[in-house]
Amino acid sequence: MPEMDGIAALIEIKKFDPQARVVMCSAMGQKGLVIDAIKAGASDFVVKPPRKRKESARQSAKRCADCVRRLSKLFSLV
């Protein structure tokens, strides 16, 4: 992200709304990143599965957005 990374964005969101439910979505499934996100207040962390074929950044972003939409539907049921 151009302005800040995901963890920094998460921290700002939680400052603005401590009750916000945030699900992080990333292609990087590094254990430390997941732990940092949960400690910063993420409700969950979804690791995008690796693709065998190369995909463009636009395709990757669309896949992540699709994942977030599906998760949003699940959260709205809670």
C-alpha atoms as a PDB file:
ATOM      1  CA  MET A   1       0.000   0.000   0.000  1.00  0.00           C
ATOM      2  CA  PRO A   2       1.391   3.411  -0.865  1.00  0.00           C
ATOM      3  CA  GLU A   3       0.653   5.273   2.383  1.00  0.00           C
ATOM      4  CA  MET A   4       1.280   2.604   5.033  1.00  0.00           C
ATOM      5  CA  ASP A   5       1.530  -1.152   5.394  1.00  0.00           C
ATOM      6  CA  GLY A   6      -1.360  -3.352   6.487  1.00  0.00           C
ATOM      7  CA  ILE A   7      -0.354  -3.505  10.147  1.00  0.00           C
ATOM      8  CA  ALA A   8      -0.100   0.294  10.346  1.00  0.00           C
ATOM      9  CA  ALA A   9      -3.527   0.591   8.665  1.00  0.00           C
ATOM     10  CA  LEU A  10      -4.955  -1.916  11.147  1.00  0.00           C
ATOM     11  CA  ILE A  11      -3.616   0.103  14.086  1.00  0.00           C
ATOM     12  CA  GLU A  12      -5.196   3.297  12.692  1.00  0.00           C
ATOM     13  CA  ILE A  13      -8.536   1.552  12.115  1.00  0.00           C
ATOM     14  CA  LYS A  14      -8.559   0.235  15.687  1.00  0.00           C
ATOM     15  CA  LYS A  15      -7.710   3.728  17.035  1.00  0.00           C
ATOM     16  CA  PHE A  16     -10.675   5.135  15.115  1.00  0.00           C
ATOM     17  CA  ASP A  17     -13.029   2.288  16.056  1.00  0.00           C
ATOM     18  CA  PRO A  18     -11.806  -0.111  18.767  1.00  0.00           C
ATOM     19  CA  GLN A  19     -14.790  -2.387  18.065  1.00  0.00           C
ATOM     20  CA  ALA A  20     -13.983  -2.743  14.342  1.00  0.00           C
ATOM     21  CA  ARG A  21     -13.637  -6.320  13.146  1.00  0.00           C
ATOM     22  CA  VAL A  22     -10.715  -6.458  10.740  1.00  0.00           C
ATOM     23  CA  VAL A  23      -9.663  -9.499   8.746  1.00  0.00           C
ATOM     24  CA  MET A  24      -6.207  -9.234   7.239  1.00  0.00           C
ATOM     25  CA  CYS A  25      -5.617 -10.803   3.840  1.00  0.00           C
ATOM     26  CA  SER A  26      -2.109 -11.301   2.463  1.00  0.00           C
ATOM     27  CA  ALA A  27      -0.092 -13.480   0.146  1.00  0.00           C
ATOM     28  CA  MET A  28       2.691 -13.449   2.703  1.00  0.00           C
ATOM     29  CA  GLY A  29       1.956 -16.111   5.279  1.00  0.00           C
ATOM     30  CA  GLN A  30       4.944 -15.386   7.463  1.00  0.00           C
ATOM     31  CA  LYS A  31       4.254 -16.475  11.012  1.00  0.00           C
ATOM     32  CA  GLY A  32       5.567 -13.217  12.473  1.00  0.00           C
ATOM     33  CA  LEU A  33       3.281 -11.130  10.253  1.00  0.00           C
ATOM     34  CA  VAL A  34       0.240 -13.146  11.323  1.00  0.00           C
ATOM     35  CA  ILE A  35       1.182 -12.816  15.007  1.00  0.00           C
ATOM     36  CA  ASP A  36       1.749  -9.048  14.634  1.00  0.00           C
ATOM     37  CA  ALA A  37      -1.656  -8.640  12.969  1.00  0.00           C
ATOM     38  CA  ILE A  38      -3.479 -10.560  15.692  1.00  0.00           C
ATOM     39  CA  LYS A  39      -1.626  -8.637  18.431  1.00  0.00           C
ATOM     40  CA  ALA A  40      -2.568  -5.358  16.713  1.00  0.00           C
ATOM     41  CA  GLY A  41      -6.224  -6.330  16.886  1.00  0.00           C
ATOM     42  CA  ALA A  42      -7.044  -8.257  13.715  1.00  0.00           C
ATOM     43  CA  SER A  43     -10.019 -10.570  14.132  1.00  0.00           C
ATOM     44  CA  ASP A  44      -8.472 -13.081  11.753  1.00  0.00           C
ATOM     45  CA  PHE A  45      -5.780 -13.464   9.122  1.00  0.00           C
ATOM     46  CA  VAL A  46      -6.358 -15.086   5.736  1.00  0.00           C
ATOM     47  CA  VAL A  47      -3.356 -16.198   3.709  1.00  0.00           C
ATOM     48  CA  LYS A  48      -4.038 -16.179   0.004  1.00  0.00           C
ATOM     49  CA  PRO A  49      -3.021 -19.525  -1.473  1.00  0.00           C
ATOM     50  CA  PRO A  50      -0.045 -19.467  -3.806  1.00  0.00           C
ATOM     51  CA  ARG A  51      -0.834 -19.806  -7.490  1.00  0.00           C
ATOM     52  CA  LYS A  52       1.129 -22.082  -9.801  1.00  0.00           C
ATOM     53  CA  ARG A  53       0.805 -19.581 -12.627  1.00  0.00           C
ATOM     54  CA  LYS A  54       1.959 -16.010 -12.394  1.00  0.00           C
ATOM     55  CA  GLU A  55      -0.780 -13.470 -11.983  1.00  0.00           C
ATOM     56  CA  SER A  56      -0.857  -9.724 -12.304  1.00  0.00           C
ATOM     57  CA  ALA A  57      -1.172  -7.439  -9.306  1.00  0.00           C
ATOM     58  CA  ARG A  58      -4.683  -6.580 -10.519  1.00  0.00           C
ATOM     59  CA  GLN A  59      -5.687 -10.259 -10.574  1.00  0.00           C
ATOM     60  CA  SER A  60      -4.200 -10.791  -7.122  1.00  0.00           C
ATOM     61  CA  ALA A  61      -6.035  -7.744  -5.745  1.00  0.00           C
ATOM     62  CA  LYS A  62      -9.315  -8.957  -7.257  1.00  0.00           C
ATOM     63  CA  ARG A  63      -8.829 -12.385  -5.675  1.00  0.00           C
ATOM     64  CA  CYS A  64      -8.157 -10.776  -2.299  1.00  0.00           C
ATOM     65  CA  ALA A  65     -11.205  -8.500  -2.660  1.00  0.00           C
ATOM     66  CA  ASP A  66     -13.347 -11.539  -3.484  1.00  0.00           C
ATOM     67  CA  CYS A  67     -12.035 -13.233  -0.349  1.00  0.00           C
ATOM     68  CA  VAL A  68     -12.844 -10.175   1.761  1.00  0.00           C
ATOM     69  CA  ARG A  69     -16.394  -9.994   0.317  1.00  0.00           C
ATOM     70  CA  ARG A  70     -16.973 -13.649   1.228  1.00  0.00           C
ATOM     71  CA  LEU A  71     -15.656 -13.055   4.741  1.00  0.00           C
ATOM     72  CA  SER A  72     -17.815  -9.935   5.100  1.00  0.00           C
ATOM     73  CA  LYS A  73     -20.879 -12.008   4.350  1.00  0.00           C
ATOM     74  CA  LEU A  74     -19.851 -14.489   7.037  1.00  0.00           C
ATOM     75  CA  PHE A  75     -19.303 -11.726   9.605  1.00  0.00           C
ATOM     76  CA  SER A  76     -22.667 -10.147   8.833  1.00  0.00           C
ATOM     77  CA  LEU A  77     -24.295 -13.444   9.840  1.00  0.00           C
ATOM     78  CA  VAL A  78     -22.738 -13.270  13.304  1.00  0.00           C
END
